[in-house]
C-alpha atoms as a PDB file:
ATOM      1  CA  MET A   1     -15.280 -34.944 -48.649  1.00  0.00           C
ATOM      2  CA  PRO A   2     -14.463 -31.236 -48.837  1.00  0.00           C
ATOM      3  CA  PHE A   3     -17.757 -30.241 -47.195  1.00  0.00           C
ATOM      4  CA  LYS A   4     -17.679 -32.432 -44.090  1.00  0.00           C
ATOM      5  CA  ALA A   5     -16.753 -29.485 -41.856  1.00  0.00           C
ATOM      6  CA  TYR A   6     -19.920 -27.697 -42.956  1.00  0.00           C
ATOM      7  CA  GLY A   7     -22.212 -30.328 -41.460  1.00  0.00           C
ATOM      8  CA  VAL A   8     -23.520 -27.798 -38.946  1.00  0.00           C
ATOM      9  CA  PHE A   9     -24.903 -25.696 -41.815  1.00  0.00           C
ATOM     10  CA  PHE A  10     -26.306 -28.445 -44.056  1.00  0.00           C
ATOM     11  CA  LYS A  11     -28.390 -31.584 -43.518  1.00  0.00           C
ATOM     12  CA  PRO A  12     -26.673 -34.934 -44.208  1.00  0.00           C
ATOM     13  CA  ASP A  13     -28.587 -35.423 -47.473  1.00  0.00           C
ATOM     14  CA  GLU A  14     -27.597 -31.911 -48.572  1.00  0.00           C
ATOM     15  CA  LEU A  15     -23.942 -32.662 -47.832  1.00  0.00           C
ATOM     16  CA  ASP A  16     -24.282 -35.779 -49.980  1.00  0.00           C
ATOM     17  CA  ILE A  17     -25.535 -33.600 -52.846  1.00  0.00           C
ATOM     18  CA  LEU A  18     -22.643 -31.144 -52.438  1.00  0.00           C
ATOM     19  CA  ASN A  19     -20.089 -33.953 -52.355  1.00  0.00           C
ATOM     20  CA  ASP A  20     -21.673 -35.688 -55.338  1.00  0.00           C
ATOM     21  CA  ALA A  21     -21.594 -32.426 -57.314  1.00  0.00           C
ATOM     22  CA  TYR A  22     -17.951 -31.887 -56.370  1.00  0.00           C
ATOM     23  CA  ASP A  23     -16.994 -35.445 -57.330  1.00  0.00           C
ATOM     24  CA  ALA A  24     -18.820 -35.144 -60.663  1.00  0.00           C
ATOM     25  CA  ALA A  25     -17.183 -31.792 -61.436  1.00  0.00           C
ATOM     26  CA  TRP A  26     -13.715 -33.077 -60.535  1.00  0.00           C
ATOM     27  CA  GLN A  27     -14.233 -36.217 -62.628  1.00  0.00           C
ATOM     28  CA  ARG A  28     -15.172 -34.100 -65.652  1.00  0.00           C
ATOM     29  CA  VAL A  29     -12.113 -31.912 -65.116  1.00  0.00           C
ATOM     30  CA  CYS A  30      -9.895 -35.001 -64.954  1.00  0.00           C
ATOM     31  CA  ASN A  31     -11.474 -36.435 -68.100  1.00  0.00           C
ATOM     32  CA  THR A  32     -10.790 -33.271 -70.085  1.00  0.00           C
ATOM     33  CA  SER A  33      -7.488 -32.170 -68.562  1.00  0.00           C
ATOM     34  CA  ASN A  34      -4.172 -32.489 -70.342  1.00  0.00           C
ATOM     35  CA  GLY A  35      -2.462 -32.787 -67.004  1.00  0.00           C
ATOM     36  CA  MET A  36      -1.672 -30.360 -64.247  1.00  0.00           C
ATOM     37  CA  THR A  37       0.760 -30.011 -61.403  1.00  0.00           C
ATOM     38  CA  PRO A  38      -0.285 -31.064 -57.891  1.00  0.00           C
ATOM     39  CA  SER A  39      -0.433 -27.383 -56.944  1.00  0.00           C
ATOM     40  CA  GLN A  40      -2.713 -26.617 -59.880  1.00  0.00           C
ATOM     41  CA  ALA A  41      -4.929 -29.600 -59.030  1.00  0.00           C
ATOM     42  CA  ALA A  42      -5.244 -28.462 -55.403  1.00  0.00           C
ATOM     43  CA  ASP A  43      -6.111 -24.930 -56.527  1.00  0.00           C
ATOM     44  CA  LEU A  44      -8.722 -26.172 -58.965  1.00  0.00           C
ATOM     45  CA  LYS A  45     -10.291 -28.501 -56.385  1.00  0.00           C
ATOM     46  CA  ASN A  46     -10.459 -25.599 -53.977  1.00  0.00           C
ATOM     47  CA  ARG A  47     -12.161 -23.345 -56.501  1.00  0.00           C
ATOM     48  CA  LEU A  48     -14.674 -26.062 -57.448  1.00  0.00           C
ATOM     49  CA  ALA A  49     -15.545 -26.525 -53.774  1.00  0.00           C
ATOM     50  CA  LYS A  50     -15.959 -22.772 -53.269  1.00  0.00           C
ATOM     51  CA  MET A  51     -18.257 -22.455 -56.267  1.00  0.00           C
ATOM     52  CA  ILE A  52     -20.432 -25.342 -55.068  1.00  0.00           C
ATOM     53  CA  LEU A  53     -20.507 -24.043 -51.505  1.00  0.00           C
ATOM     54  CA  ALA A  54     -21.418 -20.523 -52.602  1.00  0.00           C
ATOM     55  CA  SER A  55     -24.264 -21.811 -54.770  1.00  0.00           C
ATOM     56  CA  ALA A  56     -25.521 -24.086 -52.003  1.00  0.00           C
ATOM     57  CA  CYS A  57     -25.562 -21.110 -49.617  1.00  0.00           C
ATOM     58  CA  THR A  58     -28.060 -19.414 -51.909  1.00  0.00           C
ATOM     59  CA  GLY A  59     -30.350 -22.438 -51.631  1.00  0.00           C
ATOM     60  CA  ASP A  60     -29.380 -24.459 -54.694  1.00  0.00           C
ATOM     61  CA  ARG A  61     -29.583 -28.203 -53.994  1.00  0.00           C
ATOM     62  CA  ASP A  62     -29.668 -29.624 -57.525  1.00  0.00           C
ATOM     63  CA  ARG A  63     -26.621 -31.848 -58.064  1.00  0.00           C
ATOM     64  CA  GLU A  64     -26.394 -31.333 -61.817  1.00  0.00           C
ATOM     65  CA  ARG A  65     -26.834 -27.584 -61.573  1.00  0.00           C
ATOM     66  CA  LEU A  66     -24.200 -27.329 -58.814  1.00  0.00           C
ATOM     67  CA  THR A  67     -21.804 -29.352 -60.966  1.00  0.00           C
ATOM     68  CA  GLU A  68     -22.377 -27.114 -63.993  1.00  0.00           C
ATOM     69  CA  ILE A  69     -22.060 -23.910 -61.966  1.00  0.00           C
ATOM     70  CA  ALA A  70     -18.730 -25.088 -60.546  1.00  0.00           C
ATOM     71  CA  LEU A  71     -17.421 -26.089 -63.963  1.00  0.00           C
ATOM     72  CA  ARG A  72     -18.524 -22.818 -65.544  1.00  0.00           C
ATOM     73  CA  GLY A  73     -16.919 -20.963 -62.664  1.00  0.00           C
ATOM     74  CA  VAL A  74     -13.500 -22.397 -63.445  1.00  0.00           C
ATOM     75  CA  ALA A  75     -13.831 -22.872 -67.211  1.00  0.00           C
ATOM     76  CA  GLY A  76     -11.296 -20.984 -69.231  1.00  0.00           C
ATOM     77  CA  SER A  77      -9.669 -19.567 -66.143  1.00  0.00           C
ATOM     78  CA  HIS A  78      -5.919 -19.556 -65.940  1.00  0.00           C
ATOM     79  CA  ILE A  79      -4.765 -21.916 -63.216  1.00  0.00           C
ATOM     80  CA  LYS A  80      -2.312 -20.096 -60.988  1.00  0.00           C
ATOM     81  CA  GLU A  81       0.423 -21.691 -58.943  1.00  0.00           C
ATOM     82  CA  LYS A  82      -0.762 -19.897 -55.802  1.00  0.00           C
ATOM     83  CA  PRO A  83      -4.513 -19.752 -55.163  1.00  0.00           C
ATOM     84  CA  GLU A  84      -5.833 -16.207 -55.321  1.00  0.00           C
ATOM     85  CA  HIS A  85      -8.244 -16.746 -52.440  1.00  0.00           C
ATOM     86  CA  GLY A  86      -6.345 -19.409 -50.509  1.00  0.00           C
ATOM     87  CA  ASN A  87      -7.815 -22.625 -49.211  1.00  0.00           C
ATOM     88  CA  VAL A  88     -11.389 -22.979 -48.063  1.00  0.00           C
ATOM     89  CA  ASP A  89     -11.345 -21.822 -44.449  1.00  0.00           C
ATOM     90  CA  ARG A  90     -13.313 -24.346 -42.444  1.00  0.00           C
ATOM     91  CA  HIS A  91     -13.937 -21.782 -39.692  1.00  0.00           C
ATOM     92  CA  VAL A  92     -15.717 -19.242 -41.878  1.00  0.00           C
ATOM     93  CA  HIS A  93     -19.466 -19.321 -42.297  1.00  0.00           C
ATOM     94  CA  PRO A  94     -20.268 -20.521 -45.851  1.00  0.00           C
ATOM     95  CA  ARG A  95     -22.103 -17.300 -46.725  1.00  0.00           C
ATOM     96  CA  GLN A  96     -18.916 -15.323 -46.126  1.00  0.00           C
ATOM     97  CA  LEU A  97     -17.190 -17.318 -48.871  1.00  0.00           C
ATOM     98  CA  ILE A  98     -19.537 -15.834 -51.452  1.00  0.00           C
ATOM     99  CA  LYS A  99     -17.885 -12.450 -50.920  1.00  0.00           C
ATOM    100  CA  SER A 100     -14.455 -13.883 -51.699  1.00  0.00           C
ATOM    101  CA  LEU A 101     -15.417 -15.380 -55.058  1.00  0.00           C
END
């Protein structure tokens, strides 16, 4: 549950939508991936979560749309060993993450 720490910003049902979108996006990545290192997997999970969180901060609550936005956000991107933006900082307001994307 990558969004649990954001419970103060989202209602429980909204968190369920974010987590469902994340799980669906990660499952699709796993189904189409030819394998990746643990570091690459962690980076990709982080970027999926950031994309979903950023979209949710603009008001989007549609699970399928959030999933597609996250997948499009990482599609075709080169997976780097070290994340460009680091891990999702649980102490930063979600709207501030939009600036880092």
